Amino acid sequence: MDRAKYIIVQDGGLELPVIFSPLLKHSEVAGQRRIVAAGFCDISNNEVACWGKSVSLDIESRPEEDAKLIRRQILGLDS
């Protein structure tokens, strides 16, 4: 997968990653949901790298924590 954007949505105590096209703004995907982190990610060979921030939401990424969430919830890997 090439570079993508992501947000981490907080929903009832759970943090859920949403990955989407870099052609969209973070704020367009976030809507009115509670966002706790946002940035860019690259997923390849079951590895996830997260970085950056969302300018439209003014929210930073949490590189290690966000990558772990994406690995677990999107790829189904526990590492």
N, C-alpha and C. Protein backbone atom coordinates (compact mmCIF):
# COMPACT_ATOMS: atom_id res chain seq x y z
N MET A 1 0.85 -1.18 0.00
CA MET A 1 0.00 0.00 0.00
C MET A 1 0.90 1.24 0.00
N ASP A 2 0.53 2.22 -0.78
CA ASP A 2 1.25 3.47 -0.77
C ASP A 2 0.85 4.28 0.46
N ARG A 3 1.44 5.45 0.55
CA ARG A 3 1.12 6.32 1.68
C ARG A 3 -0.37 6.62 1.71
N ALA A 4 -0.94 6.57 2.91
CA ALA A 4 -2.35 6.85 3.13
C ALA A 4 -2.46 7.82 4.30
N LYS A 5 -3.64 8.33 4.51
CA LYS A 5 -3.93 9.14 5.69
C LYS A 5 -4.72 8.27 6.66
N TYR A 6 -4.70 8.65 7.93
CA TYR A 6 -5.50 7.93 8.91
C TYR A 6 -5.96 8.86 10.01
N ILE A 7 -7.02 8.45 10.68
CA ILE A 7 -7.46 9.08 11.92
C ILE A 7 -7.68 7.97 12.93
N ILE A 8 -7.58 8.31 14.19
CA ILE A 8 -7.93 7.40 15.27
C ILE A 8 -9.16 7.97 15.94
N VAL A 9 -10.27 7.24 15.83
CA VAL A 9 -11.56 7.67 16.38
C VAL A 9 -11.73 7.05 17.76
N GLN A 10 -12.16 7.87 18.72
CA GLN A 10 -12.48 7.32 20.04
C GLN A 10 -13.99 7.08 20.08
N ASP A 11 -14.37 5.85 20.35
CA ASP A 11 -15.78 5.47 20.35
C ASP A 11 -16.06 4.58 21.55
N GLY A 12 -16.72 5.14 22.54
CA GLY A 12 -17.10 4.35 23.72
C GLY A 12 -15.93 3.71 24.42
N GLY A 13 -14.83 4.41 24.57
CA GLY A 13 -13.67 3.87 25.25
C GLY A 13 -12.71 3.11 24.35
N LEU A 14 -13.13 2.80 23.14
CA LEU A 14 -12.25 2.12 22.18
C LEU A 14 -11.63 3.14 21.23
N GLU A 15 -10.43 2.86 20.79
CA GLU A 15 -9.78 3.67 19.76
C GLU A 15 -9.73 2.85 18.48
N LEU A 16 -10.32 3.40 17.42
CA LEU A 16 -10.45 2.67 16.16
C LEU A 16 -9.78 3.43 15.03
N PRO A 17 -8.89 2.79 14.29
CA PRO A 17 -8.24 3.46 13.16
C PRO A 17 -9.12 3.44 11.91
N VAL A 18 -9.06 4.53 11.18
CA VAL A 18 -9.73 4.64 9.88
C VAL A 18 -8.66 5.08 8.90
N ILE A 19 -8.43 4.30 7.86
CA ILE A 19 -7.40 4.60 6.86
C ILE A 19 -8.10 5.00 5.57
N PHE A 20 -7.56 6.05 4.91
CA PHE A 20 -8.24 6.56 3.72
C PHE A 20 -7.26 7.21 2.76
N SER A 21 -7.78 7.58 1.61
CA SER A 21 -6.98 8.15 0.52
C SER A 21 -6.34 9.49 0.91
N PRO A 22 -5.11 9.72 0.47
CA PRO A 22 -4.46 11.01 0.73
C PRO A 22 -5.11 12.15 -0.06
N LEU A 23 -6.05 11.85 -0.94
CA LEU A 23 -6.75 12.90 -1.68
C LEU A 23 -7.83 13.58 -0.84
N LEU A 24 -8.22 12.95 0.28
CA LEU A 24 -9.23 13.51 1.17
C LEU A 24 -8.56 14.25 2.32
N LYS A 25 -9.26 15.23 2.87
CA LYS A 25 -8.79 15.92 4.08
C LYS A 25 -9.18 15.09 5.30
N HIS A 26 -8.32 15.15 6.32
CA HIS A 26 -8.64 14.47 7.57
C HIS A 26 -10.00 14.92 8.10
N SER A 27 -10.27 16.22 8.04
CA SER A 27 -11.52 16.76 8.59
C SER A 27 -12.75 16.26 7.83
N GLU A 28 -12.61 15.96 6.54
CA GLU A 28 -13.73 15.43 5.76
C GLU A 28 -14.12 14.04 6.25
N VAL A 29 -13.14 13.25 6.58
CA VAL A 29 -13.40 11.88 7.04
C VAL A 29 -13.84 11.88 8.51
N ALA A 30 -13.29 12.77 9.29
CA ALA A 30 -13.57 12.81 10.73
C ALA A 30 -15.02 13.19 11.02
N GLY A 31 -15.56 14.12 10.25
CA GLY A 31 -16.91 14.59 10.53
C GLY A 31 -17.01 15.12 11.95
N GLN A 32 -18.00 14.69 12.68
CA GLN A 32 -18.22 15.15 14.06
C GLN A 32 -17.70 14.16 15.11
N ARG A 33 -16.98 13.14 14.66
CA ARG A 33 -16.47 12.14 15.61
C ARG A 33 -15.34 12.70 16.45
N ARG A 34 -15.10 12.07 17.60
CA ARG A 34 -13.99 12.46 18.48
C ARG A 34 -12.72 11.80 17.97
N ILE A 35 -11.75 12.63 17.55
CA ILE A 35 -10.50 12.15 16.99
C ILE A 35 -9.38 12.38 18.01
N VAL A 36 -8.60 11.33 18.28
CA VAL A 36 -7.52 11.45 19.27
C VAL A 36 -6.14 11.50 18.64
N ALA A 37 -6.04 11.13 17.36
CA ALA A 37 -4.76 11.20 16.65
C ALA A 37 -5.06 11.16 15.15
N ALA A 38 -4.13 11.72 14.38
CA ALA A 38 -4.29 11.71 12.92
C ALA A 38 -2.93 11.96 12.27
N GLY A 39 -2.77 11.42 11.08
CA GLY A 39 -1.51 11.63 10.37
C GLY A 39 -1.48 10.82 9.10
N PHE A 40 -0.28 10.35 8.77
CA PHE A 40 -0.04 9.58 7.56
C PHE A 40 0.49 8.21 7.95
N CYS A 41 0.24 7.22 7.09
CA CYS A 41 0.77 5.89 7.37
C CYS A 41 1.18 5.21 6.07
N ASP A 42 2.07 4.26 6.22
CA ASP A 42 2.50 3.40 5.13
C ASP A 42 2.41 1.98 5.64
N ILE A 43 1.73 1.14 4.89
CA ILE A 43 1.57 -0.26 5.27
C ILE A 43 2.16 -1.12 4.16
N SER A 44 3.18 -1.89 4.50
CA SER A 44 3.77 -2.81 3.53
C SER A 44 4.42 -3.98 4.25
N ASN A 45 4.25 -5.17 3.69
CA ASN A 45 4.84 -6.38 4.27
C ASN A 45 4.48 -6.55 5.74
N ASN A 46 3.22 -6.29 6.08
CA ASN A 46 2.73 -6.39 7.46
C ASN A 46 3.44 -5.46 8.44
N GLU A 47 4.11 -4.45 7.93
CA GLU A 47 4.72 -3.42 8.76
C GLU A 47 3.94 -2.13 8.58
N VAL A 48 3.82 -1.37 9.65
CA VAL A 48 3.09 -0.10 9.62
C VAL A 48 4.00 1.00 10.16
N ALA A 49 4.07 2.09 9.43
CA ALA A 49 4.80 3.28 9.89
C ALA A 49 3.80 4.44 9.89
N CYS A 50 3.77 5.18 10.99
CA CYS A 50 2.89 6.34 11.13
C CYS A 50 3.72 7.57 11.45
N TRP A 51 3.28 8.72 10.94
CA TRP A 51 4.01 9.96 11.19
C TRP A 51 3.12 11.17 10.89
N GLY A 52 3.62 12.33 11.24
CA GLY A 52 3.01 13.59 10.82
C GLY A 52 1.86 14.05 11.69
N LYS A 53 1.03 14.91 11.10
CA LYS A 53 -0.12 15.45 11.79
C LYS A 53 -1.18 15.84 10.78
N SER A 54 -2.36 16.09 11.28
CA SER A 54 -3.44 16.60 10.45
C SER A 54 -3.49 18.11 10.59
N VAL A 55 -3.30 18.82 9.50
CA VAL A 55 -3.40 20.27 9.52
C VAL A 55 -4.87 20.68 9.67
N SER A 56 -5.77 19.99 8.96
CA SER A 56 -7.18 20.37 8.99
C SER A 56 -7.83 20.12 10.35
N LEU A 57 -7.30 19.18 11.14
CA LEU A 57 -7.82 18.91 12.49
C LEU A 57 -6.93 19.48 13.59
N ASP A 58 -5.71 19.86 13.22
CA ASP A 58 -4.70 20.33 14.18
C ASP A 58 -4.47 19.29 15.28
N ILE A 59 -4.25 18.03 14.83
CA ILE A 59 -4.00 16.92 15.75
C ILE A 59 -2.77 16.16 15.27
N GLU A 60 -1.89 15.83 16.21
CA GLU A 60 -0.65 15.11 15.92
C GLU A 60 -0.90 13.60 15.86
N SER A 61 0.01 12.93 15.18
CA SER A 61 0.02 11.46 15.22
C SER A 61 0.74 11.00 16.48
N ARG A 62 0.53 9.75 16.83
CA ARG A 62 1.26 9.09 17.93
C ARG A 62 1.92 7.88 17.28
N PRO A 63 3.07 8.08 16.64
CA PRO A 63 3.63 7.07 15.73
C PRO A 63 3.61 5.62 16.22
N GLU A 64 4.17 5.35 17.36
CA GLU A 64 4.24 3.95 17.81
C GLU A 64 2.88 3.41 18.22
N GLU A 65 2.13 4.20 18.97
CA GLU A 65 0.82 3.76 19.45
C GLU A 65 -0.16 3.56 18.29
N ASP A 66 -0.17 4.50 17.34
CA ASP A 66 -1.07 4.39 16.18
C ASP A 66 -0.71 3.21 15.30
N ALA A 67 0.59 2.99 15.07
CA ALA A 67 1.02 1.84 14.26
C ALA A 67 0.60 0.53 14.90
N LYS A 68 0.69 0.45 16.22
CA LYS A 68 0.29 -0.76 16.93
C LYS A 68 -1.21 -1.00 16.76
N LEU A 69 -2.02 0.06 16.88
CA LEU A 69 -3.47 -0.06 16.69
C LEU A 69 -3.81 -0.54 15.29
N ILE A 70 -3.16 0.04 14.30
CA ILE A 70 -3.42 -0.33 12.90
C ILE A 70 -3.01 -1.78 12.64
N ARG A 71 -1.85 -2.18 13.17
CA ARG A 71 -1.41 -3.57 13.00
C ARG A 71 -2.44 -4.53 13.60
N ARG A 72 -2.92 -4.21 14.78
CA ARG A 72 -3.84 -5.09 15.48
C ARG A 72 -5.24 -5.10 14.85
N GLN A 73 -5.78 -3.93 14.57
CA GLN A 73 -7.18 -3.86 14.17
C GLN A 73 -7.40 -3.91 12.66
N ILE A 74 -6.45 -3.49 11.87
CA ILE A 74 -6.61 -3.54 10.41
C ILE A 74 -5.97 -4.79 9.84
N LEU A 75 -4.75 -5.11 10.29
CA LEU A 75 -4.04 -6.26 9.76
C LEU A 75 -4.25 -7.54 10.55
N GLY A 76 -4.80 -7.41 11.77
CA GLY A 76 -5.03 -8.59 12.59
C GLY A 76 -3.76 -9.17 13.19
N LEU A 77 -2.72 -8.32 13.33
CA LEU A 77 -1.45 -8.77 13.89
C LEU A 77 -1.26 -8.20 15.28
N ASP A 78 -0.76 -9.02 16.18
CA ASP A 78 -0.48 -8.56 17.55
C ASP A 78 1.02 -8.41 17.72
N SER A 79 1.51 -7.18 17.55
CA SER A 79 2.95 -6.95 17.76
C SER A 79 3.20 -5.52 18.10
